[in-house]
Amino acid sequence: AIKHCAHDLSFVSIERITTELEKIWGSSNLAIGMKNLIISNLSDQLPGSLTFKYERWSRLGNSKNVLVGWAFLCLEQDSPAPEQLAKMFKLSNERKKQLTQLVRATLIRCERLFSIDDLYQFDESTLVQAERLSRVIQSDLKPIRIEDLIKQKRTLPIQSNRDLAVSGQDLMKWLNKPGGPWLKEILTQIEVAVLHQVVENNATKLKEWVMNESNSEI
């Protein structure tokens, strides 16, 4: 439908343009769809003066993943700005959040291997897609096996602060203190310590660690 409006996309709503782009990225013929978009000059008439290079899109393969399509479009620009792209194409808040995370993760991976903190902050799907995108964007990147990446993520001591074997109530009881800003600060320190295996995620071990640290003005 978008192809028939190549001479003037101003009559096509941004929502419709977004839908048509997502159809291409979610299809099994992404390379063909992007080739048609580019050679018909439709890509030149999309909002934002975006850069489209067919040879790059042809390397992306058929991920059939709409989010990957948006992320790749963003990363192909000189200054990737996922929030701006999401606003331009009126993406949902949830899609905007996902896009921002994936772009951030991919930019990190293009520079280095994921650290423990990276593995912790990004969900498994984001890490996997970022690894795959980084290979397309940076052809000389030394890849890591997807299976190894998933294993690294899943073997972290915790996946979120909800996994901690201690609660705010525990801390207030152990330290005999009322709630306050200090509580969040200590929980964050515990989270980091557990993640980096400074202390075992065990209530007894954590209590011992907290009491020792409190004596050193945690």
N, C-alpha and C. Protein backbone atom coordinates (compact mmCIF):
# COMPACT_ATOMS: atom_id res chain seq x y z
N ALA A 1 0.83 -1.21 0.00
CA ALA A 1 0.00 0.00 0.00
C ALA A 1 0.86 1.26 0.00
N ILE A 2 1.93 1.24 0.77
CA ILE A 2 2.80 2.41 0.85
C ILE A 2 3.49 2.69 -0.49
N LYS A 3 3.71 1.62 -1.28
CA LYS A 3 4.42 1.77 -2.54
C LYS A 3 3.65 2.64 -3.53
N HIS A 4 2.33 2.61 -3.46
CA HIS A 4 1.51 3.36 -4.40
C HIS A 4 1.52 4.85 -4.10
N CYS A 5 2.11 5.24 -2.97
CA CYS A 5 2.14 6.66 -2.60
C CYS A 5 3.55 7.20 -2.67
N ALA A 6 4.37 6.63 -3.53
CA ALA A 6 5.78 7.01 -3.60
C ALA A 6 5.98 8.48 -3.90
N HIS A 7 5.06 9.10 -4.63
CA HIS A 7 5.25 10.49 -5.03
C HIS A 7 4.91 11.47 -3.92
N ASP A 8 4.12 11.04 -2.97
CA ASP A 8 3.76 11.96 -1.89
C ASP A 8 3.26 11.19 -0.68
N LEU A 9 4.17 10.90 0.22
CA LEU A 9 3.79 10.15 1.42
C LEU A 9 3.11 11.03 2.46
N SER A 10 3.00 12.32 2.15
CA SER A 10 2.36 13.22 3.12
C SER A 10 0.89 12.88 3.30
N PHE A 11 0.32 12.12 2.34
CA PHE A 11 -1.09 11.75 2.45
C PHE A 11 -1.27 10.44 3.22
N VAL A 12 -0.16 9.82 3.61
CA VAL A 12 -0.22 8.57 4.35
C VAL A 12 0.11 8.85 5.81
N SER A 13 -0.71 8.38 6.70
CA SER A 13 -0.48 8.63 8.13
C SER A 13 0.80 7.95 8.59
N ILE A 14 1.43 8.52 9.59
CA ILE A 14 2.66 7.93 10.11
C ILE A 14 2.38 6.55 10.69
N GLU A 15 1.19 6.36 11.23
CA GLU A 15 0.83 5.05 11.77
C GLU A 15 0.80 4.00 10.67
N ARG A 16 0.29 4.38 9.48
CA ARG A 16 0.24 3.45 8.35
C ARG A 16 1.65 3.14 7.84
N ILE A 17 2.48 4.16 7.79
CA ILE A 17 3.87 3.96 7.37
C ILE A 17 4.57 3.01 8.32
N THR A 18 4.35 3.21 9.60
CA THR A 18 4.95 2.35 10.62
C THR A 18 4.50 0.91 10.45
N THR A 19 3.21 0.73 10.21
CA THR A 19 2.66 -0.61 10.01
C THR A 19 3.30 -1.29 8.81
N GLU A 20 3.46 -0.55 7.71
CA GLU A 20 4.03 -1.13 6.49
C GLU A 20 5.50 -1.49 6.68
N LEU A 21 6.24 -0.64 7.38
CA LEU A 21 7.64 -0.95 7.66
C LEU A 21 7.74 -2.22 8.51
N GLU A 22 6.87 -2.33 9.49
CA GLU A 22 6.90 -3.50 10.37
C GLU A 22 6.50 -4.77 9.64
N LYS A 23 5.67 -4.63 8.61
CA LYS A 23 5.33 -5.79 7.79
C LYS A 23 6.57 -6.31 7.06
N ILE A 24 7.38 -5.37 6.57
CA ILE A 24 8.62 -5.76 5.87
C ILE A 24 9.56 -6.47 6.84
N TRP A 25 9.78 -5.86 8.01
CA TRP A 25 10.74 -6.42 8.97
C TRP A 25 10.27 -7.73 9.59
N GLY A 26 8.98 -7.93 9.60
CA GLY A 26 8.45 -9.16 10.16
C GLY A 26 8.24 -10.27 9.14
N SER A 27 8.56 -9.97 7.87
CA SER A 27 8.34 -10.94 6.81
C SER A 27 9.56 -11.84 6.61
N SER A 28 9.38 -12.84 5.76
CA SER A 28 10.49 -13.75 5.43
C SER A 28 11.25 -13.26 4.19
N ASN A 29 10.89 -12.07 3.70
CA ASN A 29 11.56 -11.50 2.52
C ASN A 29 12.04 -10.09 2.81
N LEU A 30 12.72 -9.92 3.93
CA LEU A 30 13.15 -8.59 4.35
C LEU A 30 14.04 -7.92 3.30
N ALA A 31 14.99 -8.65 2.76
CA ALA A 31 15.92 -8.07 1.79
C ALA A 31 15.18 -7.54 0.56
N ILE A 32 14.22 -8.32 0.08
CA ILE A 32 13.44 -7.89 -1.10
C ILE A 32 12.60 -6.68 -0.76
N GLY A 33 11.97 -6.71 0.41
CA GLY A 33 11.13 -5.60 0.83
C GLY A 33 11.93 -4.31 0.95
N MET A 34 13.12 -4.39 1.55
CA MET A 34 13.95 -3.20 1.71
C MET A 34 14.50 -2.73 0.37
N LYS A 35 14.80 -3.68 -0.51
CA LYS A 35 15.29 -3.30 -1.85
C LYS A 35 14.22 -2.50 -2.59
N ASN A 36 12.99 -2.98 -2.53
CA ASN A 36 11.89 -2.26 -3.19
C ASN A 36 11.68 -0.89 -2.57
N LEU A 37 11.80 -0.82 -1.25
CA LEU A 37 11.62 0.45 -0.55
C LEU A 37 12.66 1.47 -0.99
N ILE A 38 13.88 1.00 -1.18
CA ILE A 38 14.99 1.90 -1.50
C ILE A 38 15.01 2.29 -2.98
N ILE A 39 14.87 1.31 -3.89
CA ILE A 39 14.96 1.63 -5.33
C ILE A 39 13.75 2.41 -5.82
N SER A 40 12.64 2.34 -5.08
CA SER A 40 11.46 3.11 -5.47
C SER A 40 11.51 4.54 -4.92
N ASN A 41 12.59 4.82 -4.18
CA ASN A 41 12.78 6.14 -3.55
C ASN A 41 11.81 6.42 -2.41
N LEU A 42 11.07 5.41 -2.03
CA LEU A 42 10.16 5.59 -0.90
C LEU A 42 10.95 5.92 0.37
N SER A 43 12.10 5.29 0.50
CA SER A 43 12.90 5.52 1.71
C SER A 43 13.32 6.98 1.84
N ASP A 44 13.51 7.66 0.71
CA ASP A 44 13.92 9.07 0.74
C ASP A 44 12.80 9.98 1.24
N GLN A 45 11.57 9.49 1.17
CA GLN A 45 10.44 10.32 1.52
C GLN A 45 9.90 10.04 2.93
N LEU A 46 10.56 9.12 3.62
CA LEU A 46 10.15 8.85 4.99
C LEU A 46 10.60 10.00 5.89
N PRO A 47 9.94 10.21 7.01
CA PRO A 47 10.31 11.32 7.90
C PRO A 47 11.70 11.14 8.49
N GLY A 48 12.34 12.28 8.77
CA GLY A 48 13.61 12.23 9.47
C GLY A 48 14.87 12.17 8.62
N SER A 49 14.74 12.22 7.29
CA SER A 49 15.93 12.14 6.41
C SER A 49 16.83 10.97 6.83
N LEU A 50 16.24 9.80 6.94
CA LEU A 50 16.96 8.62 7.40
C LEU A 50 17.85 8.02 6.31
N THR A 51 18.91 7.36 6.74
CA THR A 51 19.84 6.72 5.82
C THR A 51 19.47 5.25 5.65
N PHE A 52 19.36 4.82 4.40
CA PHE A 52 19.08 3.43 4.08
C PHE A 52 20.13 2.94 3.09
N LYS A 53 20.82 1.87 3.43
CA LYS A 53 21.80 1.27 2.52
C LYS A 53 21.43 -0.19 2.32
N TYR A 54 21.05 -0.50 1.09
CA TYR A 54 20.55 -1.85 0.81
C TYR A 54 21.56 -2.94 1.16
N GLU A 55 22.85 -2.71 0.84
CA GLU A 55 23.84 -3.75 1.09
C GLU A 55 23.92 -4.10 2.58
N ARG A 56 23.62 -3.13 3.41
CA ARG A 56 23.63 -3.37 4.86
C ARG A 56 22.39 -4.16 5.27
N TRP A 57 21.25 -3.76 4.76
CA TRP A 57 20.01 -4.45 5.11
C TRP A 57 20.02 -5.89 4.59
N SER A 58 20.67 -6.11 3.46
CA SER A 58 20.70 -7.46 2.88
C SER A 58 21.50 -8.42 3.77
N ARG A 59 22.37 -7.87 4.60
CA ARG A 59 23.17 -8.71 5.50
C ARG A 59 22.40 -9.06 6.78
N LEU A 60 21.31 -8.35 7.02
CA LEU A 60 20.58 -8.56 8.27
C LEU A 60 19.88 -9.91 8.31
N GLY A 61 19.52 -10.43 7.13
CA GLY A 61 18.82 -11.71 7.10
C GLY A 61 17.36 -11.54 7.46
N ASN A 62 16.66 -12.65 7.58
CA ASN A 62 15.24 -12.62 7.89
C ASN A 62 15.01 -12.99 9.36
N SER A 63 15.19 -12.01 10.22
CA SER A 63 14.99 -12.27 11.64
C SER A 63 13.51 -12.40 11.98
N LYS A 64 12.66 -11.84 11.10
CA LYS A 64 11.21 -11.81 11.34
C LYS A 64 10.91 -11.18 12.69
N ASN A 65 11.74 -10.23 13.07
CA ASN A 65 11.62 -9.57 14.36
C ASN A 65 11.50 -8.07 14.12
N VAL A 66 10.33 -7.53 14.40
CA VAL A 66 10.07 -6.11 14.15
C VAL A 66 11.00 -5.22 14.96
N LEU A 67 11.23 -5.59 16.21
CA LEU A 67 12.11 -4.79 17.07
C LEU A 67 13.52 -4.70 16.49
N VAL A 68 14.00 -5.80 15.94
CA VAL A 68 15.33 -5.82 15.32
C VAL A 68 15.37 -4.86 14.13
N GLY A 69 14.28 -4.81 13.38
CA GLY A 69 14.20 -3.88 12.25
C GLY A 69 14.32 -2.43 12.70
N TRP A 70 13.58 -2.07 13.74
CA TRP A 70 13.66 -0.70 14.26
C TRP A 70 15.06 -0.40 14.80
N ALA A 71 15.63 -1.36 15.51
CA ALA A 71 16.96 -1.15 16.09
C ALA A 71 18.01 -0.98 15.00
N PHE A 72 17.92 -1.80 13.95
CA PHE A 72 18.89 -1.71 12.87
C PHE A 72 18.76 -0.37 12.15
N LEU A 73 17.54 0.07 11.92
CA LEU A 73 17.31 1.37 11.29
C LEU A 73 17.96 2.47 12.12
N CYS A 74 17.76 2.40 13.42
CA CYS A 74 18.33 3.39 14.32
C CYS A 74 19.86 3.36 14.29
N LEU A 75 20.42 2.17 14.35
CA LEU A 75 21.87 2.00 14.41
C LEU A 75 22.56 2.36 13.09
N GLU A 76 21.81 2.37 12.01
CA GLU A 76 22.38 2.72 10.71
C GLU A 76 22.56 4.23 10.53
N GLN A 77 22.00 5.00 11.45
CA GLN A 77 22.12 6.45 11.36
C GLN A 77 23.44 6.90 12.00
N ASP A 78 23.91 8.08 11.59
CA ASP A 78 25.18 8.59 12.11
C ASP A 78 25.16 8.76 13.62
N SER A 79 24.03 9.20 14.13
CA SER A 79 23.89 9.39 15.58
C SER A 79 22.62 8.67 16.04
N PRO A 80 22.75 7.40 16.41
CA PRO A 80 21.57 6.63 16.82
C PRO A 80 20.83 7.31 17.97
N ALA A 81 19.54 7.53 17.79
CA ALA A 81 18.72 8.17 18.82
C ALA A 81 17.39 7.43 18.89
N PRO A 82 17.34 6.32 19.63
CA PRO A 82 16.11 5.51 19.67
C PRO A 82 14.88 6.25 20.16
N GLU A 83 15.05 7.15 21.13
CA GLU A 83 13.89 7.89 21.64
C GLU A 83 13.30 8.78 20.56
N GLN A 84 14.18 9.42 19.79
CA GLN A 84 13.73 10.30 18.71
C GLN A 84 13.05 9.50 17.61
N LEU A 85 13.62 8.35 17.26
CA LEU A 85 13.03 7.51 16.22
C LEU A 85 11.65 7.01 16.66
N ALA A 86 11.56 6.60 17.91
CA ALA A 86 10.28 6.10 18.44
C ALA A 86 9.21 7.18 18.39
N LYS A 87 9.60 8.40 18.71
CA LYS A 87 8.65 9.52 18.68
C LYS A 87 8.24 9.84 17.25
N MET A 88 9.20 9.80 16.34
CA MET A 88 8.95 10.12 14.94
C MET A 88 7.93 9.17 14.31
N PHE A 89 8.03 7.88 14.67
CA PHE A 89 7.14 6.89 14.08
C PHE A 89 6.00 6.48 15.03
N LYS A 90 5.85 7.23 16.09
CA LYS A 90 4.76 7.04 17.05
C LYS A 90 4.69 5.61 17.57
N LEU A 91 5.85 5.09 17.98
CA LEU A 91 5.89 3.76 18.55
C LEU A 91 5.34 3.80 19.98
N SER A 92 4.83 2.69 20.44
CA SER A 92 4.28 2.63 21.79
C SER A 92 5.38 2.83 22.82
N ASN A 93 4.99 3.17 24.02
CA ASN A 93 5.98 3.36 25.09
C ASN A 93 6.76 2.08 25.35
N GLU A 94 6.07 0.95 25.28
CA GLU A 94 6.74 -0.34 25.50
C GLU A 94 7.76 -0.61 24.40
N ARG A 95 7.38 -0.34 23.15
CA ARG A 95 8.31 -0.54 22.04
C ARG A 95 9.49 0.42 22.15
N LYS A 96 9.23 1.64 22.57
CA LYS A 96 10.29 2.63 22.75
C LYS A 96 11.30 2.13 23.79
N LYS A 97 10.79 1.58 24.88
CA LYS A 97 11.66 1.07 25.93
C LYS A 97 12.51 -0.10 25.41
N GLN A 98 11.87 -1.02 24.69
CA GLN A 98 12.57 -2.17 24.14
C GLN A 98 13.64 -1.73 23.13
N LEU A 99 13.28 -0.77 22.30
CA LEU A 99 14.19 -0.27 21.27
C LEU A 99 15.41 0.39 21.91
N THR A 100 15.18 1.20 22.91
CA THR A 100 16.27 1.89 23.60
C THR A 100 17.23 0.89 24.23
N GLN A 101 16.68 -0.15 24.85
CA GLN A 101 17.51 -1.17 25.48
C GLN A 101 18.34 -1.92 24.44
N LEU A 102 17.71 -2.30 23.34
CA LEU A 102 18.41 -3.07 22.31
C LEU A 102 19.51 -2.25 21.65
N VAL A 103 19.23 -1.00 21.37
CA VAL A 103 20.24 -0.13 20.76
C VAL A 103 21.41 0.06 21.71
N ARG A 104 21.13 0.30 22.99
CA ARG A 104 22.19 0.47 23.99
C ARG A 104 23.05 -0.78 24.09
N ALA A 105 22.40 -1.94 24.16
CA ALA A 105 23.12 -3.20 24.29
C ALA A 105 23.99 -3.46 23.06
N THR A 106 23.47 -3.16 21.89
CA THR A 106 24.23 -3.40 20.65
C THR A 106 25.45 -2.49 20.57
N LEU A 107 25.29 -1.23 20.94
CA LEU A 107 26.41 -0.29 20.92
C LEU A 107 27.51 -0.75 21.89
N ILE A 108 27.09 -1.26 23.03
CA ILE A 108 28.06 -1.78 24.00
C ILE A 108 28.81 -2.97 23.41
N ARG A 109 28.03 -3.88 22.81
CA ARG A 109 28.65 -5.11 22.27
C ARG A 109 29.57 -4.81 21.10
N CYS A 110 29.31 -3.76 20.36
CA CYS A 110 30.19 -3.38 19.25
C CYS A 110 31.55 -2.91 19.75
N GLU A 111 31.60 -2.49 21.01
CA GLU A 111 32.85 -1.99 21.58
C GLU A 111 33.59 -3.04 22.40
N ARG A 112 32.85 -3.94 23.03
CA ARG A 112 33.49 -4.92 23.92
C ARG A 112 32.53 -6.06 24.22
N LEU A 113 33.06 -7.06 24.94
CA LEU A 113 32.21 -8.14 25.42
C LEU A 113 31.30 -7.63 26.52
N PHE A 114 30.19 -8.28 26.72
CA PHE A 114 29.29 -7.88 27.79
C PHE A 114 29.93 -8.15 29.14
N SER A 115 29.82 -7.19 30.05
CA SER A 115 30.32 -7.36 31.41
C SER A 115 29.24 -8.04 32.26
N ILE A 116 29.57 -8.36 33.48
CA ILE A 116 28.59 -8.94 34.40
C ILE A 116 27.42 -7.98 34.58
N ASP A 117 27.72 -6.70 34.71
CA ASP A 117 26.66 -5.71 34.89
C ASP A 117 25.76 -5.62 33.66
N ASP A 118 26.36 -5.75 32.47
CA ASP A 118 25.57 -5.74 31.23
C ASP A 118 24.64 -6.96 31.19
N LEU A 119 25.19 -8.11 31.50
CA LEU A 119 24.40 -9.35 31.49
C LEU A 119 23.23 -9.24 32.46
N TYR A 120 23.44 -8.53 33.53
CA TYR A 120 22.42 -8.38 34.57
C TYR A 120 21.32 -7.39 34.16
N GLN A 121 21.72 -6.27 33.58
CA GLN A 121 20.74 -5.22 33.31
C GLN A 121 19.86 -5.49 32.09
N PHE A 122 20.39 -6.26 31.11
CA PHE A 122 19.61 -6.54 29.91
C PHE A 122 19.00 -7.93 29.99
N ASP A 123 17.77 -8.08 29.46
CA ASP A 123 17.16 -9.40 29.48
C ASP A 123 17.79 -10.29 28.41
N GLU A 124 17.48 -11.56 28.48
CA GLU A 124 18.13 -12.54 27.61
C GLU A 124 17.89 -12.26 26.13
N SER A 125 16.66 -11.93 25.79
CA SER A 125 16.33 -11.66 24.39
C SER A 125 17.11 -10.47 23.86
N THR A 126 17.23 -9.42 24.66
CA THR A 126 17.97 -8.23 24.25
C THR A 126 19.44 -8.55 24.02
N LEU A 127 20.03 -9.34 24.90
CA LEU A 127 21.44 -9.72 24.76
C LEU A 127 21.67 -10.53 23.49
N VAL A 128 20.78 -11.48 23.22
CA VAL A 128 20.93 -12.33 22.05
C VAL A 128 20.79 -11.51 20.76
N GLN A 129 19.77 -10.67 20.70
CA GLN A 129 19.57 -9.85 19.50
C GLN A 129 20.70 -8.84 19.32
N ALA A 130 21.23 -8.31 20.42
CA ALA A 130 22.34 -7.37 20.34
C ALA A 130 23.59 -8.05 19.80
N GLU A 131 23.81 -9.28 20.23
CA GLU A 131 24.96 -10.03 19.73
C GLU A 131 24.84 -10.22 18.21
N ARG A 132 23.65 -10.58 17.75
CA ARG A 132 23.44 -10.81 16.32
C ARG A 132 23.54 -9.52 15.52
N LEU A 133 22.97 -8.44 16.05
CA LEU A 133 23.03 -7.16 15.35
C LEU A 133 24.46 -6.65 15.26
N SER A 134 25.22 -6.82 16.33
CA SER A 134 26.59 -6.32 16.35
C SER A 134 27.45 -6.99 15.27
N ARG A 135 27.14 -8.24 14.96
CA ARG A 135 27.89 -8.96 13.93
C ARG A 135 27.65 -8.36 12.54
N VAL A 136 26.44 -7.86 12.33
CA VAL A 136 26.09 -7.24 11.05
C VAL A 136 26.70 -5.85 10.95
N ILE A 137 26.61 -5.11 12.03
CA ILE A 137 27.09 -3.73 12.05
C ILE A 137 28.61 -3.66 12.00
N GLN A 138 29.27 -4.57 12.70
CA GLN A 138 30.73 -4.56 12.77
C GLN A 138 31.24 -5.91 12.30
N SER A 139 31.56 -5.99 11.03
CA SER A 139 31.90 -7.26 10.41
C SER A 139 33.16 -7.92 10.97
N ASP A 140 34.06 -7.12 11.54
CA ASP A 140 35.30 -7.69 12.08
C ASP A 140 35.17 -8.06 13.56
N LEU A 141 33.97 -7.98 14.08
CA LEU A 141 33.74 -8.30 15.48
C LEU A 141 33.96 -9.80 15.73
N LYS A 142 34.64 -10.11 16.81
CA LYS A 142 34.82 -11.51 17.16
C LYS A 142 33.57 -11.97 17.89
N PRO A 143 32.79 -12.85 17.28
CA PRO A 143 31.51 -13.24 17.90
C PRO A 143 31.70 -14.22 19.05
N ILE A 144 30.68 -14.28 19.90
CA ILE A 144 30.64 -15.32 20.91
C ILE A 144 29.42 -16.18 20.62
N ARG A 145 29.49 -17.43 20.97
CA ARG A 145 28.38 -18.33 20.68
C ARG A 145 27.15 -17.90 21.47
N ILE A 146 26.00 -17.94 20.80
CA ILE A 146 24.75 -17.57 21.46
C ILE A 146 24.51 -18.46 22.67
N GLU A 147 24.84 -19.73 22.54
CA GLU A 147 24.65 -20.66 23.67
C GLU A 147 25.48 -20.24 24.87
N ASP A 148 26.70 -19.76 24.61
CA ASP A 148 27.57 -19.32 25.70
C ASP A 148 27.05 -18.05 26.35
N LEU A 149 26.53 -17.17 25.52
CA LEU A 149 25.97 -15.92 26.02
C LEU A 149 24.78 -16.19 26.94
N ILE A 150 23.90 -17.08 26.50
CA ILE A 150 22.73 -17.43 27.31
C ILE A 150 23.15 -18.09 28.62
N LYS A 151 24.17 -18.93 28.54
CA LYS A 151 24.67 -19.60 29.74
C LYS A 151 25.22 -18.59 30.73
N GLN A 152 25.97 -17.60 30.22
CA GLN A 152 26.52 -16.56 31.08
C GLN A 152 25.40 -15.81 31.80
N LYS A 153 24.36 -15.50 31.06
CA LYS A 153 23.22 -14.78 31.64
C LYS A 153 22.52 -15.63 32.70
N ARG A 154 22.24 -16.87 32.37
CA ARG A 154 21.44 -17.72 33.26
C ARG A 154 22.20 -18.16 34.51
N THR A 155 23.51 -18.12 34.47
CA THR A 155 24.29 -18.57 35.62
C THR A 155 24.69 -17.43 36.55
N LEU A 156 24.19 -16.23 36.31
CA LEU A 156 24.43 -15.14 37.25
C LEU A 156 23.82 -15.52 38.60
N PRO A 157 24.40 -15.07 39.70
CA PRO A 157 23.87 -15.41 41.03
C PRO A 157 22.41 -14.98 41.22
N ILE A 158 22.05 -13.85 40.62
CA ILE A 158 20.66 -13.36 40.66
C ILE A 158 20.32 -12.77 39.29
N GLN A 159 19.04 -12.74 38.97
CA GLN A 159 18.59 -12.14 37.72
C GLN A 159 17.95 -10.77 37.95
N SER A 160 17.53 -10.50 39.19
CA SER A 160 16.98 -9.19 39.56
C SER A 160 17.06 -9.06 41.07
N ASN A 161 16.80 -7.86 41.59
CA ASN A 161 16.85 -7.68 43.04
C ASN A 161 15.75 -8.45 43.76
N ARG A 162 14.76 -8.90 43.00
CA ARG A 162 13.70 -9.71 43.61
C ARG A 162 14.23 -11.09 44.05
N ASP A 163 15.37 -11.46 43.51
CA ASP A 163 15.96 -12.76 43.85
C ASP A 163 16.79 -12.72 45.13
N LEU A 164 17.00 -11.53 45.68
CA LEU A 164 17.82 -11.42 46.89
C LEU A 164 17.17 -12.15 48.07
N ALA A 165 18.00 -12.83 48.85
CA ALA A 165 17.50 -13.58 50.00
C ALA A 165 17.41 -12.70 51.24
N VAL A 166 17.14 -11.43 51.03
CA VAL A 166 17.00 -10.47 52.12
C VAL A 166 15.99 -9.40 51.70
N SER A 167 15.29 -8.86 52.67
CA SER A 167 14.29 -7.83 52.39
C SER A 167 14.57 -6.60 53.25
N GLY A 168 13.87 -5.55 52.95
CA GLY A 168 14.00 -4.34 53.75
C GLY A 168 13.62 -4.59 55.20
N GLN A 169 12.60 -5.41 55.40
CA GLN A 169 12.18 -5.75 56.76
C GLN A 169 13.30 -6.44 57.52
N ASP A 170 14.01 -7.33 56.83
CA ASP A 170 15.14 -8.02 57.46
C ASP A 170 16.19 -7.02 57.91
N LEU A 171 16.52 -6.09 57.06
CA LEU A 171 17.56 -5.11 57.37
C LEU A 171 17.17 -4.24 58.55
N MET A 172 15.92 -3.79 58.56
CA MET A 172 15.47 -2.95 59.67
C MET A 172 15.55 -3.72 60.99
N LYS A 173 15.24 -5.01 60.93
CA LYS A 173 15.29 -5.84 62.13
C LYS A 173 16.73 -6.07 62.57
N TRP A 174 17.58 -6.43 61.60
CA TRP A 174 18.97 -6.72 61.94
C TRP A 174 19.70 -5.50 62.51
N LEU A 175 19.44 -4.34 61.92
CA LEU A 175 20.16 -3.13 62.32
C LEU A 175 19.39 -2.28 63.33
N ASN A 176 18.16 -2.74 63.64
CA ASN A 176 17.33 -2.04 64.62
C ASN A 176 17.17 -0.56 64.25
N LYS A 177 16.80 -0.34 63.00
CA LYS A 177 16.63 1.02 62.50
C LYS A 177 15.30 1.13 61.76
N PRO A 178 14.66 2.31 61.82
CA PRO A 178 13.42 2.51 61.06
C PRO A 178 13.74 2.67 59.58
N GLY A 179 12.72 2.54 58.73
CA GLY A 179 12.94 2.70 57.30
C GLY A 179 13.38 4.10 56.94
N GLY A 180 14.02 4.22 55.79
CA GLY A 180 14.50 5.52 55.33
C GLY A 180 15.34 5.34 54.08
N PRO A 181 15.90 6.44 53.58
CA PRO A 181 16.73 6.37 52.37
C PRO A 181 17.88 5.39 52.48
N TRP A 182 18.38 5.18 53.70
CA TRP A 182 19.50 4.26 53.91
C TRP A 182 19.18 2.84 53.45
N LEU A 183 17.88 2.48 53.54
CA LEU A 183 17.45 1.13 53.23
C LEU A 183 17.70 0.80 51.76
N LYS A 184 17.31 1.70 50.87
CA LYS A 184 17.51 1.48 49.44
C LYS A 184 19.00 1.42 49.11
N GLU A 185 19.77 2.27 49.79
CA GLU A 185 21.22 2.31 49.54
C GLU A 185 21.88 0.99 49.91
N ILE A 186 21.51 0.45 51.07
CA ILE A 186 22.11 -0.81 51.50
C ILE A 186 21.65 -1.97 50.61
N LEU A 187 20.37 -1.97 50.23
CA LEU A 187 19.87 -3.03 49.35
C LEU A 187 20.61 -3.02 48.01
N THR A 188 20.92 -1.82 47.52
CA THR A 188 21.67 -1.71 46.27
C THR A 188 23.07 -2.26 46.43
N GLN A 189 23.70 -1.96 47.58
CA GLN A 189 25.05 -2.47 47.83
C GLN A 189 25.04 -4.00 47.96
N ILE A 190 24.00 -4.52 48.58
CA ILE A 190 23.87 -5.97 48.70
C ILE A 190 23.68 -6.60 47.32
N GLU A 191 22.85 -5.98 46.52
CA GLU A 191 22.59 -6.47 45.16
C GLU A 191 23.88 -6.57 44.35
N VAL A 192 24.70 -5.52 44.43
CA VAL A 192 25.97 -5.50 43.70
C VAL A 192 26.92 -6.57 44.26
N ALA A 193 26.96 -6.68 45.58
CA ALA A 193 27.86 -7.65 46.21
C ALA A 193 27.49 -9.08 45.84
N VAL A 194 26.20 -9.37 45.81
CA VAL A 194 25.74 -10.71 45.44
C VAL A 194 26.02 -10.97 43.97
N LEU A 195 25.71 -10.00 43.13
CA LEU A 195 25.93 -10.15 41.69
C LEU A 195 27.38 -10.46 41.37
N HIS A 196 28.29 -9.79 42.06
CA HIS A 196 29.72 -9.98 41.81
C HIS A 196 30.34 -11.02 42.73
N GLN A 197 29.48 -11.78 43.38
CA GLN A 197 29.89 -12.92 44.22
C GLN A 197 30.85 -12.54 45.35
N VAL A 198 30.65 -11.33 45.88
CA VAL A 198 31.40 -10.91 47.07
C VAL A 198 30.83 -11.63 48.29
N VAL A 199 29.52 -11.87 48.24
CA VAL A 199 28.84 -12.58 49.32
C VAL A 199 27.80 -13.50 48.70
N GLU A 200 27.58 -14.64 49.34
CA GLU A 200 26.61 -15.61 48.84
C GLU A 200 25.19 -15.13 49.10
N ASN A 201 24.30 -15.42 48.17
CA ASN A 201 22.90 -15.01 48.31
C ASN A 201 22.17 -15.97 49.25
N ASN A 202 22.52 -15.87 50.49
CA ASN A 202 21.98 -16.74 51.54
C ASN A 202 21.69 -15.85 52.74
N ALA A 203 20.53 -15.98 53.34
CA ALA A 203 20.10 -15.08 54.41
C ALA A 203 21.13 -15.00 55.54
N THR A 204 21.67 -16.14 55.95
CA THR A 204 22.64 -16.15 57.04
C THR A 204 23.92 -15.43 56.65
N LYS A 205 24.41 -15.72 55.44
CA LYS A 205 25.63 -15.08 54.96
C LYS A 205 25.42 -13.58 54.77
N LEU A 206 24.25 -13.22 54.27
CA LEU A 206 23.95 -11.81 54.04
C LEU A 206 23.86 -11.04 55.35
N LYS A 207 23.26 -11.66 56.36
CA LYS A 207 23.16 -10.99 57.66
C LYS A 207 24.55 -10.75 58.23
N GLU A 208 25.40 -11.75 58.14
CA GLU A 208 26.77 -11.61 58.63
C GLU A 208 27.50 -10.50 57.89
N TRP A 209 27.32 -10.47 56.56
CA TRP A 209 27.98 -9.44 55.74
C TRP A 209 27.46 -8.05 56.10
N VAL A 210 26.15 -7.92 56.24
CA VAL A 210 25.55 -6.63 56.57
C VAL A 210 26.03 -6.14 57.93
N MET A 211 26.06 -7.01 58.91
CA MET A 211 26.48 -6.62 60.25
C MET A 211 27.95 -6.19 60.25
N ASN A 212 28.77 -6.90 59.50
CA ASN A 212 30.18 -6.54 59.41
C ASN A 212 30.36 -5.19 58.73
N GLU A 213 29.60 -5.00 57.64
CA GLU A 213 29.70 -3.74 56.89
C GLU A 213 29.14 -2.58 57.68
N SER A 214 28.09 -2.84 58.47
CA SER A 214 27.48 -1.76 59.26
C SER A 214 28.46 -1.23 60.30
N ASN A 215 29.32 -2.09 60.77
CA ASN A 215 30.34 -1.67 61.74
C ASN A 215 31.41 -0.82 61.07
N SER A 216 31.44 -0.91 59.72
CA SER A 216 32.39 -0.10 58.97
C SER A 216 31.67 1.06 58.26
N GLU A 217 30.45 1.39 58.78
CA GLU A 217 29.60 2.44 58.23
C GLU A 217 29.25 2.16 56.79
N ILE A 218 28.48 1.08 56.58
CA ILE A 218 28.05 0.64 55.26
C ILE A 218 27.34 1.78 54.52
